[in-house]
Amino acid sequence: MKVTVDMTLCEDHGQCAIAAPEVFRINDDGHLEYEGEPSDELEEYVEEAADVCPVQAILLGA
């Protein structure tokens, strides 16, 4: 699975970091950081993170 975040849309709400903390995190400066190719075991959590993003900035691919 490939994860991409459109940083022009992302507003650093952090909902993704709550849904999938192994993949998404808010750094010390308050900005989103993420793992672009998380393990397949985390797919359910990553999909949930994409669903809860208030600006739909998370894109999932194969």
PDB file of N, CA and C in Angstrom:
ATOM      1  N   MET A   1       0.840  -1.181   0.000  1.00  0.00           N
ATOM      2  CA  MET A   1       0.000   0.000   0.000  1.00  0.00           C
ATOM      3  C   MET A   1       0.878   1.234   0.000  1.00  0.00           C
ATOM      4  N   LYS A   2       0.462   2.195  -0.799  1.00  0.00           N
ATOM      5  CA  LYS A   2       1.173   3.474  -0.858  1.00  0.00           C
ATOM      6  C   LYS A   2       0.258   4.562  -0.303  1.00  0.00           C
ATOM      7  N   VAL A   3       0.809   5.402   0.542  1.00  0.00           N
ATOM      8  CA  VAL A   3       0.068   6.501   1.158  1.00  0.00           C
ATOM      9  C   VAL A   3       0.693   7.809   0.712  1.00  0.00           C
ATOM     10  N   THR A   4      -0.147   8.722   0.262  1.00  0.00           N
ATOM     11  CA  THR A   4       0.299  10.060  -0.099  1.00  0.00           C
ATOM     12  C   THR A   4      -0.633  11.052   0.574  1.00  0.00           C
ATOM     13  N   VAL A   5      -0.085  12.116   1.113  1.00  0.00           N
ATOM     14  CA  VAL A   5      -0.893  13.178   1.702  1.00  0.00           C
ATOM     15  C   VAL A   5      -0.678  14.435   0.874  1.00  0.00           C
ATOM     16  N   ASP A   6      -1.770  15.007   0.415  1.00  0.00           N
ATOM     17  CA  ASP A   6      -1.698  16.276  -0.313  1.00  0.00           C
ATOM     18  C   ASP A   6      -1.490  17.369   0.726  1.00  0.00           C
ATOM     19  N   MET A   7      -0.238  17.788   0.853  1.00  0.00           N
ATOM     20  CA  MET A   7       0.111  18.748   1.895  1.00  0.00           C
ATOM     21  C   MET A   7      -0.454  20.144   1.614  1.00  0.00           C
ATOM     22  N   THR A   8      -0.926  20.382   0.397  1.00  0.00           N
ATOM     23  CA  THR A   8      -1.580  21.664   0.115  1.00  0.00           C
ATOM     24  C   THR A   8      -2.993  21.677   0.681  1.00  0.00           C
ATOM     25  N   LEU A   9      -3.565  20.486   0.896  1.00  0.00           N
ATOM     26  CA  LEU A   9      -4.893  20.376   1.509  1.00  0.00           C
ATOM     27  C   LEU A   9      -4.821  20.169   3.018  1.00  0.00           C
ATOM     28  N   CYS A  10      -3.801  19.452   3.466  1.00  0.00           N
ATOM     29  CA  CYS A  10      -3.685  19.079   4.879  1.00  0.00           C
ATOM     30  C   CYS A  10      -3.652  20.321   5.769  1.00  0.00           C
ATOM     31  N   GLU A  11      -4.463  20.284   6.809  1.00  0.00           N
ATOM     32  CA  GLU A  11      -4.524  21.379   7.775  1.00  0.00           C
ATOM     33  C   GLU A  11      -4.032  20.948   9.154  1.00  0.00           C
ATOM     34  N   ASP A  12      -3.360  19.802   9.229  1.00  0.00           N
ATOM     35  CA  ASP A  12      -2.750  19.287  10.465  1.00  0.00           C
ATOM     36  C   ASP A  12      -3.756  19.115  11.599  1.00  0.00           C
ATOM     37  N   HIS A  13      -4.958  18.646  11.267  1.00  0.00           N
ATOM     38  CA  HIS A  13      -5.955  18.391  12.306  1.00  0.00           C
ATOM     39  C   HIS A  13      -5.549  17.239  13.222  1.00  0.00           C
ATOM     40  N   GLY A  14      -4.853  16.243  12.661  1.00  0.00           N
ATOM     41  CA  GLY A  14      -4.354  15.129  13.460  1.00  0.00           C
ATOM     42  C   GLY A  14      -5.312  13.973  13.627  1.00  0.00           C
ATOM     43  N   GLN A  15      -6.442  13.990  12.964  1.00  0.00           N
ATOM     44  CA  GLN A  15      -7.381  12.872  13.072  1.00  0.00           C
ATOM     45  C   GLN A  15      -6.754  11.584  12.542  1.00  0.00           C
ATOM     46  N   CYS A  16      -5.926  11.701  11.511  1.00  0.00           N
ATOM     47  CA  CYS A  16      -5.248  10.529  10.967  1.00  0.00           C
ATOM     48  C   CYS A  16      -4.279   9.933  11.988  1.00  0.00           C
ATOM     49  N   ALA A  17      -3.623  10.781  12.760  1.00  0.00           N
ATOM     50  CA  ALA A  17      -2.676  10.310  13.770  1.00  0.00           C
ATOM     51  C   ALA A  17      -3.385   9.571  14.896  1.00  0.00           C
ATOM     52  N   ILE A  18      -4.629   9.915  15.134  1.00  0.00           N
ATOM     53  CA  ILE A  18      -5.422   9.195  16.134  1.00  0.00           C
ATOM     54  C   ILE A  18      -5.848   7.839  15.577  1.00  0.00           C
ATOM     55  N   ALA A  19      -6.266   7.811  14.312  1.00  0.00           N
ATOM     56  CA  ALA A  19      -6.754   6.577  13.685  1.00  0.00           C
ATOM     57  C   ALA A  19      -5.622   5.586  13.386  1.00  0.00           C
ATOM     58  N   ALA A  20      -4.456   6.086  13.000  1.00  0.00           N
ATOM     59  CA  ALA A  20      -3.341   5.212  12.614  1.00  0.00           C
ATOM     60  C   ALA A  20      -2.016   5.804  13.084  1.00  0.00           C
ATOM     61  N   PRO A  21      -1.760   5.772  14.388  1.00  0.00           N
ATOM     62  CA  PRO A  21      -0.551   6.410  14.926  1.00  0.00           C
ATOM     63  C   PRO A  21       0.757   5.764  14.464  1.00  0.00           C
ATOM     64  N   GLU A  22       0.704   4.529  13.967  1.00  0.00           N
ATOM     65  CA  GLU A  22       1.901   3.885  13.460  1.00  0.00           C
ATOM     66  C   GLU A  22       2.326   4.465  12.117  1.00  0.00           C
ATOM     67  N   VAL A  23       1.391   5.171  11.458  1.00  0.00           N
ATOM     68  CA  VAL A  23       1.647   5.689  10.112  1.00  0.00           C
ATOM     69  C   VAL A  23       1.704   7.216  10.088  1.00  0.00           C
ATOM     70  N   PHE A  24       0.822   7.857  10.846  1.00  0.00           N
ATOM     71  CA  PHE A  24       0.721   9.316  10.846  1.00  0.00           C
ATOM     72  C   PHE A  24       1.074   9.861  12.223  1.00  0.00           C
ATOM     73  N   ARG A  25       1.758  11.007  12.247  1.00  0.00           N
ATOM     74  CA  ARG A  25       2.086  11.649  13.528  1.00  0.00           C
ATOM     75  C   ARG A  25       2.225  13.154  13.309  1.00  0.00           C
ATOM     76  N   ILE A  26       1.953  13.875  14.356  1.00  0.00           N
ATOM     77  CA  ILE A  26       2.142  15.322  14.343  1.00  0.00           C
ATOM     78  C   ILE A  26       3.492  15.587  15.006  1.00  0.00           C
ATOM     79  N   ASN A  27       4.388  16.277  14.296  1.00  0.00           N
ATOM     80  CA  ASN A  27       5.732  16.520  14.832  1.00  0.00           C
ATOM     81  C   ASN A  27       5.717  17.648  15.866  1.00  0.00           C
ATOM     82  N   ASP A  28       6.871  17.929  16.410  1.00  0.00           N
ATOM     83  CA  ASP A  28       6.990  18.946  17.461  1.00  0.00           C
ATOM     84  C   ASP A  28       6.611  20.348  16.980  1.00  0.00           C
ATOM     85  N   ASP A  29       6.655  20.560  15.670  1.00  0.00           N
ATOM     86  CA  ASP A  29       6.262  21.849  15.107  1.00  0.00           C
ATOM     87  C   ASP A  29       4.780  21.915  14.789  1.00  0.00           C
ATOM     88  N   GLY A  30       4.052  20.814  15.070  1.00  0.00           N
ATOM     89  CA  GLY A  30       2.612  20.782  14.826  1.00  0.00           C
ATOM     90  C   GLY A  30       2.216  20.417  13.408  1.00  0.00           C
ATOM     91  N   HIS A  31       3.168  19.823  12.652  1.00  0.00           N
ATOM     92  CA  HIS A  31       2.886  19.465  11.270  1.00  0.00           C
ATOM     93  C   HIS A  31       2.884  17.948  11.085  1.00  0.00           C
ATOM     94  N   LEU A  32       2.102  17.506  10.122  1.00  0.00           N
ATOM     95  CA  LEU A  32       1.958  16.087   9.851  1.00  0.00           C
ATOM     96  C   LEU A  32       3.213  15.493   9.231  1.00  0.00           C
ATOM     97  N   GLU A  33       3.567  14.302   9.705  1.00  0.00           N
ATOM     98  CA  GLU A  33       4.586  13.458   9.100  1.00  0.00           C
ATOM     99  C   GLU A  33       3.932  12.101   8.923  1.00  0.00           C
ATOM    100  N   TYR A  34       4.351  11.346   7.902  1.00  0.00           N
ATOM    101  CA  TYR A  34       3.724  10.051   7.676  1.00  0.00           C
ATOM    102  C   TYR A  34       4.661   9.083   6.991  1.00  0.00           C
ATOM    103  N   GLU A  35       4.349   7.809   7.125  1.00  0.00           N
ATOM    104  CA  GLU A  35       5.077   6.719   6.479  1.00  0.00           C
ATOM    105  C   GLU A  35       4.402   6.468   5.135  1.00  0.00           C
ATOM    106  N   GLY A  36       5.136   6.620   4.051  1.00  0.00           N
ATOM    107  CA  GLY A  36       4.568   6.514   2.713  1.00  0.00           C
ATOM    108  C   GLY A  36       4.242   5.108   2.254  1.00  0.00           C
ATOM    109  N   GLU A  37       4.872   4.106   2.875  1.00  0.00           N
ATOM    110  CA  GLU A  37       4.625   2.722   2.489  1.00  0.00           C
ATOM    111  C   GLU A  37       4.496   1.852   3.740  1.00  0.00           C
ATOM    112  N   PRO A  38       3.381   1.982   4.453  1.00  0.00           N
ATOM    113  CA  PRO A  38       3.194   1.188   5.673  1.00  0.00           C
ATOM    114  C   PRO A  38       2.956  -0.280   5.341  1.00  0.00           C
ATOM    115  N   SER A  39       3.147  -1.136   6.323  1.00  0.00           N
ATOM    116  CA  SER A  39       2.939  -2.570   6.123  1.00  0.00           C
ATOM    117  C   SER A  39       1.460  -2.851   5.870  1.00  0.00           C
ATOM    118  N   ASP A  40       1.217  -3.935   5.174  1.00  0.00           N
ATOM    119  CA  ASP A  40      -0.153  -4.315   4.817  1.00  0.00           C
ATOM    120  C   ASP A  40      -1.027  -4.571   6.044  1.00  0.00           C
ATOM    121  N   GLU A  41      -0.417  -4.930   7.156  1.00  0.00           N
ATOM    122  CA  GLU A  41      -1.179  -5.188   8.379  1.00  0.00           C
ATOM    123  C   GLU A  41      -1.892  -3.929   8.883  1.00  0.00           C
ATOM    124  N   LEU A  42      -1.416  -2.773   8.472  1.00  0.00           N
ATOM    125  CA  LEU A  42      -1.992  -1.509   8.935  1.00  0.00           C
ATOM    126  C   LEU A  42      -3.047  -0.954   7.977  1.00  0.00           C
ATOM    127  N   GLU A  43      -3.364  -1.687   6.929  1.00  0.00           N
ATOM    128  CA  GLU A  43      -4.275  -1.186   5.896  1.00  0.00           C
ATOM    129  C   GLU A  43      -5.618  -0.722   6.453  1.00  0.00           C
ATOM    130  N   GLU A  44      -6.212  -1.485   7.338  1.00  0.00           N
ATOM    131  CA  GLU A  44      -7.506  -1.114   7.922  1.00  0.00           C
ATOM    132  C   GLU A  44      -7.423   0.243   8.642  1.00  0.00           C
ATOM    133  N   TYR A  45      -6.358   0.459   9.377  1.00  0.00           N
ATOM    134  CA  TYR A  45      -6.190   1.703  10.126  1.00  0.00           C
ATOM    135  C   TYR A  45      -5.924   2.888   9.191  1.00  0.00           C
ATOM    136  N   VAL A  46      -5.146   2.641   8.142  1.00  0.00           N
ATOM    137  CA  VAL A  46      -4.853   3.696   7.176  1.00  0.00           C
ATOM    138  C   VAL A  46      -6.119   4.098   6.431  1.00  0.00           C
ATOM    139  N   GLU A  47      -6.949   3.118   6.066  1.00  0.00           N
ATOM    140  CA  GLU A  47      -8.217   3.423   5.401  1.00  0.00           C
ATOM    141  C   GLU A  47      -9.122   4.241   6.318  1.00  0.00           C
ATOM    142  N   GLU A  48      -9.136   3.912   7.593  1.00  0.00           N
ATOM    143  CA  GLU A  48      -9.917   4.680   8.568  1.00  0.00           C
ATOM    144  C   GLU A  48      -9.382   6.105   8.661  1.00  0.00           C
ATOM    145  N   ALA A  49      -8.063   6.247   8.674  1.00  0.00           N
ATOM    146  CA  ALA A  49      -7.453   7.579   8.727  1.00  0.00           C
ATOM    147  C   ALA A  49      -7.864   8.413   7.521  1.00  0.00           C
ATOM    148  N   ALA A  50      -7.862   7.804   6.349  1.00  0.00           N
ATOM    149  CA  ALA A  50      -8.277   8.518   5.139  1.00  0.00           C
ATOM    150  C   ALA A  50      -9.745   8.929   5.235  1.00  0.00           C
ATOM    151  N   ASP A  51     -10.575   8.048   5.791  1.00  0.00           N
ATOM    152  CA  ASP A  51     -12.005   8.348   5.926  1.00  0.00           C
ATOM    153  C   ASP A  51     -12.271   9.496   6.890  1.00  0.00           C
ATOM    154  N   VAL A  52     -11.498   9.595   7.967  1.00  0.00           N
ATOM    155  CA  VAL A  52     -11.772  10.622   8.978  1.00  0.00           C
ATOM    156  C   VAL A  52     -11.089  11.955   8.697  1.00  0.00           C
ATOM    157  N   CYS A  53     -10.247  12.011   7.679  1.00  0.00           N
ATOM    158  CA  CYS A  53      -9.574  13.273   7.350  1.00  0.00           C
ATOM    159  C   CYS A  53     -10.625  14.309   6.944  1.00  0.00           C
ATOM    160  N   PRO A  54     -10.723  15.413   7.681  1.00  0.00           N
ATOM    161  CA  PRO A  54     -11.775  16.394   7.392  1.00  0.00           C
ATOM    162  C   PRO A  54     -11.638  17.094   6.045  1.00  0.00           C
ATOM    163  N   VAL A  55     -10.441  17.070   5.467  1.00  0.00           N
ATOM    164  CA  VAL A  55     -10.249  17.732   4.167  1.00  0.00           C
ATOM    165  C   VAL A  55      -9.931  16.726   3.052  1.00  0.00           C
ATOM    166  N   GLN A  56     -10.019  15.412   3.387  1.00  0.00           N
ATOM    167  CA  GLN A  56      -9.779  14.342   2.425  1.00  0.00           C
ATOM    168  C   GLN A  56      -8.433  14.499   1.702  1.00  0.00           C
ATOM    169  N   ALA A  57      -7.389  14.744   2.484  1.00  0.00           N
ATOM    170  CA  ALA A  57      -6.048  14.963   1.934  1.00  0.00           C
ATOM    171  C   ALA A  57      -5.245  13.679   1.762  1.00  0.00           C
ATOM    172  N   ILE A  58      -5.752  12.551   2.287  1.00  0.00           N
ATOM    173  CA  ILE A  58      -4.995  11.299   2.252  1.00  0.00           C
ATOM    174  C   ILE A  58      -5.425  10.486   1.044  1.00  0.00           C
ATOM    175  N   LEU A  59      -4.429  10.117   0.232  1.00  0.00           N
ATOM    176  CA  LEU A  59      -4.668   9.338  -0.979  1.00  0.00           C
ATOM    177  C   LEU A  59      -4.023   7.981  -0.811  1.00  0.00           C
ATOM    178  N   LEU A  60      -4.766   6.923  -1.140  1.00  0.00           N
ATOM    179  CA  LEU A  60      -4.262   5.557  -0.998  1.00  0.00           C
ATOM    180  C   LEU A  60      -4.103   4.933  -2.371  1.00  0.00           C
ATOM    181  N   GLY A  61      -3.025   4.177  -2.533  1.00  0.00           N
ATOM    182  CA  GLY A  61      -2.772   3.496  -3.793  1.00  0.00           C
ATOM    183  C   GLY A  61      -2.203   2.107  -3.556  1.00  0.00           C
ATOM    184  N   ALA A  62      -1.999   1.419  -4.654  1.00  0.00           N
ATOM    185  CA  ALA A  62      -1.494   0.039  -4.575  1.00  0.00           C
ATOM    186  C   ALA A  62       0.007   0.005  -4.363  1.00  0.00           C
TER     187      ALA A  62
END
